[in-house]
Amino acid sequence: MHLKVEPNGGENPDPVAIVNPMDSLVLAEMVVFTPAVTVVLAVVPVALALAAVAWRRRDEPAGKPVVVYLVALAAGATAYGAELGTADLRTKFLLVGVSLVLMSVFVGAWFWVALAYTGRSRFTTRRTAALLAVEPVIVATAAALPLSS
């Protein structure tokens, strides 16, 4: 369905022009690549390459948490870069929530890496993982709540 809505006229007085509803699902068409967006998105391939290296060494102490950390970093940077480059307010709010949740996972994984790397592996238990998962769940819940009452 292709619909062109004219400002202050037509079927909908909303001044937003809708060319194709599916266009909002395509990241490349919805993000304006400013220098800031380009710098943020440059982190993604570096983090994924490092995650691939860490995956090959996942049996080392802190190996698996480093993979989680780097993948969360790459996903969070992607969401943040898209958030910076989009002009649509609804999409921007969605991406803020996604990036906040991913950065919460990033922080928890970083703490897990610090525990494992510094020889405190006695604290790297399922209970600790469950406790570290509480913050991302709270952030995801808060991000999903509407802003208005």
N, C-alpha and C. Protein backbone atom coordinates (compact mmCIF):
# COMPACT_ATOMS: atom_id res chain seq x y z
N MET A 1 0.84 -1.17 0.00
CA MET A 1 0.00 0.00 0.00
C MET A 1 0.88 1.23 0.00
N HIS A 2 0.73 2.07 -0.97
CA HIS A 2 1.48 3.31 -1.06
C HIS A 2 0.51 4.45 -0.84
N LEU A 3 0.83 5.26 0.15
CA LEU A 3 -0.06 6.35 0.51
C LEU A 3 0.79 7.59 0.71
N LYS A 4 0.42 8.66 0.09
CA LYS A 4 1.10 9.93 0.26
C LYS A 4 0.13 10.87 0.95
N VAL A 5 0.48 11.28 2.15
CA VAL A 5 -0.38 12.16 2.92
C VAL A 5 0.18 13.57 2.82
N GLU A 6 -0.61 14.47 2.37
CA GLU A 6 -0.20 15.86 2.24
C GLU A 6 -0.41 16.57 3.57
N PRO A 7 0.49 17.50 3.93
CA PRO A 7 0.29 18.26 5.16
C PRO A 7 -1.03 19.03 5.14
N ASN A 8 -1.75 18.94 6.22
CA ASN A 8 -3.02 19.64 6.42
C ASN A 8 -4.03 19.36 5.31
N GLY A 9 -4.09 18.17 4.85
CA GLY A 9 -5.06 17.83 3.81
C GLY A 9 -5.10 16.33 3.60
N GLY A 10 -5.95 15.88 2.72
CA GLY A 10 -6.04 14.46 2.42
C GLY A 10 -6.81 13.71 3.49
N GLU A 11 -6.55 12.41 3.59
CA GLU A 11 -7.27 11.57 4.54
C GLU A 11 -6.83 11.80 5.98
N ASN A 12 -5.58 12.15 6.18
CA ASN A 12 -5.03 12.29 7.52
C ASN A 12 -4.31 13.63 7.62
N PRO A 13 -4.64 14.47 8.58
CA PRO A 13 -4.00 15.77 8.68
C PRO A 13 -2.57 15.70 9.23
N ASP A 14 -2.08 14.50 9.54
CA ASP A 14 -0.73 14.35 10.05
C ASP A 14 0.27 14.72 8.95
N PRO A 15 1.26 15.58 9.24
CA PRO A 15 2.18 16.02 8.19
C PRO A 15 3.25 15.00 7.82
N VAL A 16 3.11 13.77 8.26
CA VAL A 16 4.11 12.74 7.95
C VAL A 16 3.76 12.07 6.64
N ALA A 17 4.71 11.98 5.72
CA ALA A 17 4.48 11.33 4.44
C ALA A 17 4.83 9.85 4.57
N ILE A 18 3.88 8.98 4.29
CA ILE A 18 4.10 7.55 4.35
C ILE A 18 4.23 7.05 2.92
N VAL A 19 5.41 6.56 2.59
CA VAL A 19 5.63 6.06 1.24
C VAL A 19 5.30 4.57 1.21
N ASN A 20 5.84 3.81 2.14
CA ASN A 20 5.59 2.38 2.24
C ASN A 20 5.70 2.01 3.71
N PRO A 21 4.68 1.42 4.31
CA PRO A 21 4.75 1.09 5.74
C PRO A 21 5.90 0.16 6.08
N MET A 22 6.35 -0.66 5.15
CA MET A 22 7.44 -1.60 5.44
C MET A 22 8.80 -0.92 5.44
N ASP A 23 8.90 0.31 4.94
CA ASP A 23 10.18 1.01 4.93
C ASP A 23 10.72 1.25 6.33
N SER A 24 9.86 1.38 7.33
CA SER A 24 10.32 1.63 8.68
C SER A 24 11.01 0.41 9.27
N LEU A 25 10.86 -0.76 8.63
CA LEU A 25 11.50 -1.96 9.14
C LEU A 25 12.89 -2.16 8.56
N VAL A 26 13.28 -1.35 7.59
CA VAL A 26 14.57 -1.50 6.96
C VAL A 26 15.52 -0.50 7.59
N LEU A 27 16.54 -1.00 8.28
CA LEU A 27 17.45 -0.15 9.03
C LEU A 27 18.20 0.82 8.12
N ALA A 28 18.68 0.36 7.00
CA ALA A 28 19.49 1.21 6.13
C ALA A 28 18.70 2.38 5.58
N GLU A 29 17.41 2.23 5.36
CA GLU A 29 16.61 3.32 4.83
C GLU A 29 16.12 4.27 5.90
N MET A 30 16.16 3.85 7.17
CA MET A 30 15.61 4.70 8.20
C MET A 30 16.69 5.48 8.94
N VAL A 31 17.96 5.15 8.77
CA VAL A 31 19.03 5.78 9.51
C VAL A 31 19.79 6.73 8.60
N VAL A 32 20.01 7.94 9.08
CA VAL A 32 20.84 8.91 8.39
C VAL A 32 22.26 8.75 8.95
N PHE A 33 23.20 8.46 8.08
CA PHE A 33 24.55 8.16 8.53
C PHE A 33 25.36 9.45 8.70
N THR A 34 25.22 10.06 9.86
CA THR A 34 26.00 11.24 10.22
C THR A 34 27.38 10.76 10.69
N PRO A 35 28.33 11.68 10.89
CA PRO A 35 29.63 11.24 11.41
C PRO A 35 29.53 10.55 12.78
N ALA A 36 28.66 11.02 13.65
CA ALA A 36 28.49 10.37 14.96
C ALA A 36 27.96 8.95 14.82
N VAL A 37 26.99 8.77 13.94
CA VAL A 37 26.42 7.44 13.71
C VAL A 37 27.49 6.52 13.13
N THR A 38 28.27 7.02 12.21
CA THR A 38 29.32 6.22 11.58
C THR A 38 30.36 5.77 12.61
N VAL A 39 30.74 6.66 13.51
CA VAL A 39 31.72 6.31 14.54
C VAL A 39 31.14 5.24 15.48
N VAL A 40 29.89 5.41 15.90
CA VAL A 40 29.27 4.44 16.79
C VAL A 40 29.14 3.08 16.10
N LEU A 41 28.71 3.09 14.84
CA LEU A 41 28.55 1.82 14.12
C LEU A 41 29.89 1.18 13.74
N ALA A 42 30.98 1.95 13.76
CA ALA A 42 32.29 1.37 13.48
C ALA A 42 32.73 0.42 14.58
N VAL A 43 32.14 0.55 15.76
CA VAL A 43 32.44 -0.34 16.88
C VAL A 43 31.93 -1.76 16.60
N VAL A 44 30.85 -1.87 15.85
CA VAL A 44 30.16 -3.15 15.66
C VAL A 44 31.06 -4.22 15.03
N PRO A 45 31.68 -3.99 13.85
CA PRO A 45 32.51 -5.06 13.29
C PRO A 45 33.72 -5.40 14.15
N VAL A 46 34.28 -4.40 14.83
CA VAL A 46 35.42 -4.65 15.71
C VAL A 46 34.99 -5.55 16.87
N ALA A 47 33.88 -5.23 17.50
CA ALA A 47 33.39 -6.04 18.62
C ALA A 47 33.04 -7.45 18.16
N LEU A 48 32.44 -7.59 16.99
CA LEU A 48 32.08 -8.93 16.50
C LEU A 48 33.33 -9.74 16.14
N ALA A 49 34.34 -9.09 15.58
CA ALA A 49 35.60 -9.79 15.28
C ALA A 49 36.27 -10.26 16.57
N LEU A 50 36.28 -9.41 17.57
CA LEU A 50 36.85 -9.80 18.86
C LEU A 50 36.02 -10.91 19.52
N ALA A 51 34.70 -10.86 19.35
CA ALA A 51 33.84 -11.93 19.89
C ALA A 51 34.15 -13.26 19.23
N ALA A 52 34.44 -13.24 17.93
CA ALA A 52 34.80 -14.48 17.22
C ALA A 52 36.12 -15.04 17.77
N VAL A 53 37.08 -14.17 18.04
CA VAL A 53 38.34 -14.61 18.63
C VAL A 53 38.10 -15.16 20.03
N ALA A 54 37.30 -14.47 20.82
CA ALA A 54 37.00 -14.92 22.18
C ALA A 54 36.25 -16.25 22.16
N TRP A 55 35.38 -16.45 21.15
CA TRP A 55 34.64 -17.71 21.06
C TRP A 55 35.59 -18.89 20.87
N ARG A 56 36.66 -18.68 20.10
CA ARG A 56 37.64 -19.74 19.89
C ARG A 56 38.40 -20.05 21.18
N ARG A 57 38.44 -19.11 22.10
CA ARG A 57 39.13 -19.30 23.38
C ARG A 57 38.13 -19.33 24.54
N ARG A 58 36.94 -19.81 24.28
CA ARG A 58 35.88 -19.78 25.29
C ARG A 58 36.14 -20.66 26.49
N ASP A 59 37.07 -21.62 26.39
CA ASP A 59 37.38 -22.48 27.52
C ASP A 59 38.34 -21.84 28.51
N GLU A 60 38.93 -20.71 28.13
CA GLU A 60 39.80 -19.97 29.03
C GLU A 60 38.95 -19.30 30.12
N PRO A 61 39.58 -18.95 31.25
CA PRO A 61 38.81 -18.20 32.26
C PRO A 61 38.28 -16.90 31.66
N ALA A 62 37.05 -16.61 31.88
CA ALA A 62 36.35 -15.42 31.40
C ALA A 62 36.10 -15.46 29.90
N GLY A 63 36.30 -16.59 29.24
CA GLY A 63 36.11 -16.69 27.80
C GLY A 63 34.67 -16.48 27.37
N LYS A 64 33.76 -17.23 27.96
CA LYS A 64 32.34 -17.10 27.58
C LYS A 64 31.76 -15.74 27.98
N PRO A 65 32.07 -15.23 29.18
CA PRO A 65 31.55 -13.89 29.49
C PRO A 65 32.07 -12.80 28.56
N VAL A 66 33.29 -12.95 28.05
CA VAL A 66 33.82 -11.97 27.10
C VAL A 66 33.02 -12.00 25.81
N VAL A 67 32.62 -13.20 25.37
CA VAL A 67 31.80 -13.31 24.17
C VAL A 67 30.47 -12.60 24.39
N VAL A 68 29.82 -12.86 25.53
CA VAL A 68 28.54 -12.20 25.83
C VAL A 68 28.73 -10.69 25.89
N TYR A 69 29.79 -10.26 26.53
CA TYR A 69 30.11 -8.84 26.66
C TYR A 69 30.26 -8.18 25.29
N LEU A 70 31.03 -8.81 24.40
CA LEU A 70 31.29 -8.22 23.09
C LEU A 70 30.07 -8.26 22.17
N VAL A 71 29.28 -9.32 22.25
CA VAL A 71 28.06 -9.38 21.44
C VAL A 71 27.05 -8.34 21.93
N ALA A 72 26.94 -8.19 23.26
CA ALA A 72 26.05 -7.16 23.81
C ALA A 72 26.53 -5.77 23.41
N LEU A 73 27.85 -5.57 23.40
CA LEU A 73 28.41 -4.29 22.96
C LEU A 73 28.06 -4.02 21.50
N ALA A 74 28.23 -5.02 20.64
CA ALA A 74 27.93 -4.84 19.22
C ALA A 74 26.44 -4.56 19.00
N ALA A 75 25.58 -5.32 19.67
CA ALA A 75 24.14 -5.11 19.51
C ALA A 75 23.72 -3.75 20.08
N GLY A 76 24.27 -3.39 21.23
CA GLY A 76 23.95 -2.10 21.83
C GLY A 76 24.43 -0.93 20.98
N ALA A 77 25.62 -1.07 20.39
CA ALA A 77 26.13 -0.02 19.51
C ALA A 77 25.28 0.11 18.25
N THR A 78 24.79 -1.03 17.75
CA THR A 78 23.91 -0.98 16.58
C THR A 78 22.62 -0.24 16.91
N ALA A 79 22.02 -0.59 18.05
CA ALA A 79 20.77 0.07 18.46
C ALA A 79 21.01 1.56 18.72
N TYR A 80 22.13 1.90 19.36
CA TYR A 80 22.41 3.29 19.67
C TYR A 80 22.70 4.09 18.40
N GLY A 81 23.44 3.50 17.47
CA GLY A 81 23.71 4.17 16.20
C GLY A 81 22.43 4.43 15.43
N ALA A 82 21.54 3.43 15.41
CA ALA A 82 20.26 3.61 14.74
C ALA A 82 19.43 4.67 15.44
N GLU A 83 19.50 4.69 16.77
CA GLU A 83 18.77 5.70 17.54
C GLU A 83 19.27 7.11 17.21
N LEU A 84 20.58 7.26 17.11
CA LEU A 84 21.15 8.58 16.78
C LEU A 84 20.78 9.03 15.37
N GLY A 85 20.66 8.08 14.46
CA GLY A 85 20.45 8.43 13.06
C GLY A 85 19.01 8.51 12.61
N THR A 86 18.08 8.11 13.44
CA THR A 86 16.68 8.13 13.02
C THR A 86 16.01 9.44 13.47
N ALA A 87 15.08 9.88 12.67
CA ALA A 87 14.34 11.10 13.00
C ALA A 87 12.95 10.79 13.54
N ASP A 88 12.46 9.58 13.29
CA ASP A 88 11.13 9.19 13.74
C ASP A 88 11.12 9.01 15.25
N LEU A 89 10.29 9.76 15.94
CA LEU A 89 10.28 9.77 17.39
C LEU A 89 9.87 8.42 17.97
N ARG A 90 8.90 7.76 17.38
CA ARG A 90 8.45 6.45 17.87
C ARG A 90 9.57 5.42 17.75
N THR A 91 10.26 5.43 16.63
CA THR A 91 11.39 4.51 16.43
C THR A 91 12.52 4.84 17.39
N LYS A 92 12.76 6.13 17.60
CA LYS A 92 13.81 6.56 18.53
C LYS A 92 13.53 6.06 19.94
N PHE A 93 12.28 6.17 20.41
CA PHE A 93 11.93 5.67 21.74
C PHE A 93 12.11 4.16 21.84
N LEU A 94 11.73 3.43 20.81
CA LEU A 94 11.92 1.99 20.79
C LEU A 94 13.40 1.65 20.88
N LEU A 95 14.22 2.33 20.09
CA LEU A 95 15.65 2.05 20.08
C LEU A 95 16.34 2.46 21.38
N VAL A 96 15.83 3.49 22.05
CA VAL A 96 16.37 3.86 23.36
C VAL A 96 16.17 2.71 24.33
N GLY A 97 14.97 2.14 24.34
CA GLY A 97 14.70 1.00 25.23
C GLY A 97 15.57 -0.20 24.92
N VAL A 98 15.71 -0.51 23.63
CA VAL A 98 16.53 -1.65 23.22
C VAL A 98 17.99 -1.42 23.62
N SER A 99 18.51 -0.23 23.35
CA SER A 99 19.92 0.03 23.68
C SER A 99 20.15 0.03 25.19
N LEU A 100 19.18 0.51 25.97
CA LEU A 100 19.33 0.47 27.43
C LEU A 100 19.37 -0.95 27.95
N VAL A 101 18.52 -1.81 27.43
CA VAL A 101 18.52 -3.21 27.86
C VAL A 101 19.85 -3.88 27.49
N LEU A 102 20.31 -3.64 26.26
CA LEU A 102 21.57 -4.25 25.83
C LEU A 102 22.76 -3.73 26.62
N MET A 103 22.74 -2.46 26.97
CA MET A 103 23.83 -1.92 27.77
C MET A 103 23.77 -2.47 29.20
N SER A 104 22.59 -2.80 29.70
CA SER A 104 22.49 -3.44 31.01
C SER A 104 23.10 -4.84 30.97
N VAL A 105 22.86 -5.56 29.89
CA VAL A 105 23.48 -6.88 29.71
C VAL A 105 25.00 -6.70 29.61
N PHE A 106 25.43 -5.69 28.89
CA PHE A 106 26.85 -5.38 28.73
C PHE A 106 27.52 -5.16 30.08
N VAL A 107 26.91 -4.39 30.95
CA VAL A 107 27.47 -4.10 32.27
C VAL A 107 27.54 -5.37 33.11
N GLY A 108 26.49 -6.18 33.09
CA GLY A 108 26.50 -7.43 33.84
C GLY A 108 27.57 -8.38 33.34
N ALA A 109 27.74 -8.46 32.03
CA ALA A 109 28.77 -9.33 31.46
C ALA A 109 30.16 -8.81 31.81
N TRP A 110 30.32 -7.49 31.82
CA TRP A 110 31.61 -6.91 32.21
C TRP A 110 31.95 -7.28 33.65
N PHE A 111 30.98 -7.22 34.55
CA PHE A 111 31.21 -7.60 35.94
C PHE A 111 31.59 -9.08 36.03
N TRP A 112 30.91 -9.91 35.25
CA TRP A 112 31.20 -11.35 35.23
C TRP A 112 32.63 -11.59 34.73
N VAL A 113 33.05 -10.86 33.70
CA VAL A 113 34.42 -10.96 33.19
C VAL A 113 35.41 -10.57 34.28
N ALA A 114 35.13 -9.49 34.98
CA ALA A 114 36.03 -9.04 36.05
C ALA A 114 36.14 -10.10 37.15
N LEU A 115 35.02 -10.72 37.51
CA LEU A 115 35.08 -11.78 38.52
C LEU A 115 35.92 -12.96 38.05
N ALA A 116 35.68 -13.41 36.84
CA ALA A 116 36.40 -14.58 36.32
C ALA A 116 37.88 -14.27 36.08
N TYR A 117 38.17 -13.10 35.56
CA TYR A 117 39.55 -12.75 35.20
C TYR A 117 40.42 -12.53 36.43
N THR A 118 39.85 -12.03 37.51
CA THR A 118 40.62 -11.73 38.70
C THR A 118 40.71 -12.92 39.65
N GLY A 119 40.27 -14.07 39.20
CA GLY A 119 40.41 -15.28 40.02
C GLY A 119 39.31 -15.47 41.05
N ARG A 120 38.25 -14.75 40.93
CA ARG A 120 37.12 -14.91 41.86
C ARG A 120 36.03 -15.77 41.23
N SER A 121 36.45 -16.87 40.63
CA SER A 121 35.50 -17.73 39.93
C SER A 121 34.53 -18.42 40.88
N ARG A 122 34.83 -18.40 42.17
CA ARG A 122 33.85 -18.98 43.12
C ARG A 122 32.55 -18.18 43.14
N PHE A 123 32.61 -16.92 42.67
CA PHE A 123 31.40 -16.10 42.61
C PHE A 123 30.67 -16.22 41.28
N THR A 124 31.27 -16.87 40.30
CA THR A 124 30.63 -17.00 39.00
C THR A 124 29.74 -18.25 38.99
N THR A 125 28.61 -18.11 39.66
CA THR A 125 27.66 -19.21 39.79
C THR A 125 26.37 -18.85 39.08
N ARG A 126 25.47 -19.80 39.02
CA ARG A 126 24.15 -19.51 38.43
C ARG A 126 23.40 -18.47 39.25
N ARG A 127 23.61 -18.47 40.53
CA ARG A 127 22.95 -17.48 41.39
C ARG A 127 23.43 -16.06 41.03
N THR A 128 24.73 -15.91 40.83
CA THR A 128 25.27 -14.61 40.42
C THR A 128 24.72 -14.20 39.06
N ALA A 129 24.66 -15.15 38.14
CA ALA A 129 24.10 -14.86 36.81
C ALA A 129 22.65 -14.41 36.92
N ALA A 130 21.89 -15.07 37.78
CA ALA A 130 20.48 -14.69 37.98
C ALA A 130 20.39 -13.28 38.57
N LEU A 131 21.25 -12.99 39.53
CA LEU A 131 21.24 -11.65 40.13
C LEU A 131 21.65 -10.58 39.11
N LEU A 132 22.61 -10.91 38.25
CA LEU A 132 23.02 -9.95 37.22
C LEU A 132 21.95 -9.77 36.15
N ALA A 133 21.06 -10.73 36.01
CA ALA A 133 19.98 -10.63 35.03
C ALA A 133 18.82 -9.78 35.52
N VAL A 134 18.81 -9.45 36.81
CA VAL A 134 17.70 -8.67 37.37
C VAL A 134 17.67 -7.26 36.77
N GLU A 135 18.82 -6.61 36.67
CA GLU A 135 18.84 -5.24 36.16
C GLU A 135 18.33 -5.15 34.71
N PRO A 136 18.80 -6.00 33.78
CA PRO A 136 18.25 -5.91 32.43
C PRO A 136 16.75 -6.16 32.36
N VAL A 137 16.24 -7.03 33.23
CA VAL A 137 14.79 -7.28 33.25
C VAL A 137 14.05 -6.04 33.74
N ILE A 138 14.58 -5.39 34.77
CA ILE A 138 13.95 -4.17 35.29
C ILE A 138 14.02 -3.07 34.23
N VAL A 139 15.16 -2.93 33.57
CA VAL A 139 15.30 -1.90 32.53
C VAL A 139 14.36 -2.19 31.36
N ALA A 140 14.24 -3.45 30.96
CA ALA A 140 13.33 -3.80 29.87
C ALA A 140 11.89 -3.51 30.25
N THR A 141 11.53 -3.80 31.47
CA THR A 141 10.17 -3.52 31.94
C THR A 141 9.91 -2.02 31.96
N ALA A 142 10.88 -1.26 32.47
CA ALA A 142 10.71 0.19 32.51
C ALA A 142 10.65 0.78 31.11
N ALA A 143 11.45 0.24 30.19
CA ALA A 143 11.45 0.74 28.82
C ALA A 143 10.15 0.43 28.10
N ALA A 144 9.49 -0.65 28.50
CA ALA A 144 8.24 -1.04 27.85
C ALA A 144 7.04 -0.26 28.35
N LEU A 145 7.18 0.37 29.50
CA LEU A 145 6.06 1.14 30.06
C LEU A 145 5.86 2.42 29.28
N PRO A 146 4.61 2.83 29.09
CA PRO A 146 4.37 4.10 28.38
C PRO A 146 4.85 5.28 29.22
N LEU A 147 5.25 6.35 28.52
CA LEU A 147 5.76 7.53 29.21
C LEU A 147 4.66 8.37 29.84
N SER A 148 3.47 8.35 29.26
CA SER A 148 2.39 9.16 29.80
C SER A 148 1.52 8.32 30.73
N SER A 149 0.84 9.01 31.63
CA SER A 149 -0.03 8.27 32.57
C SER A 149 -1.44 8.19 32.09
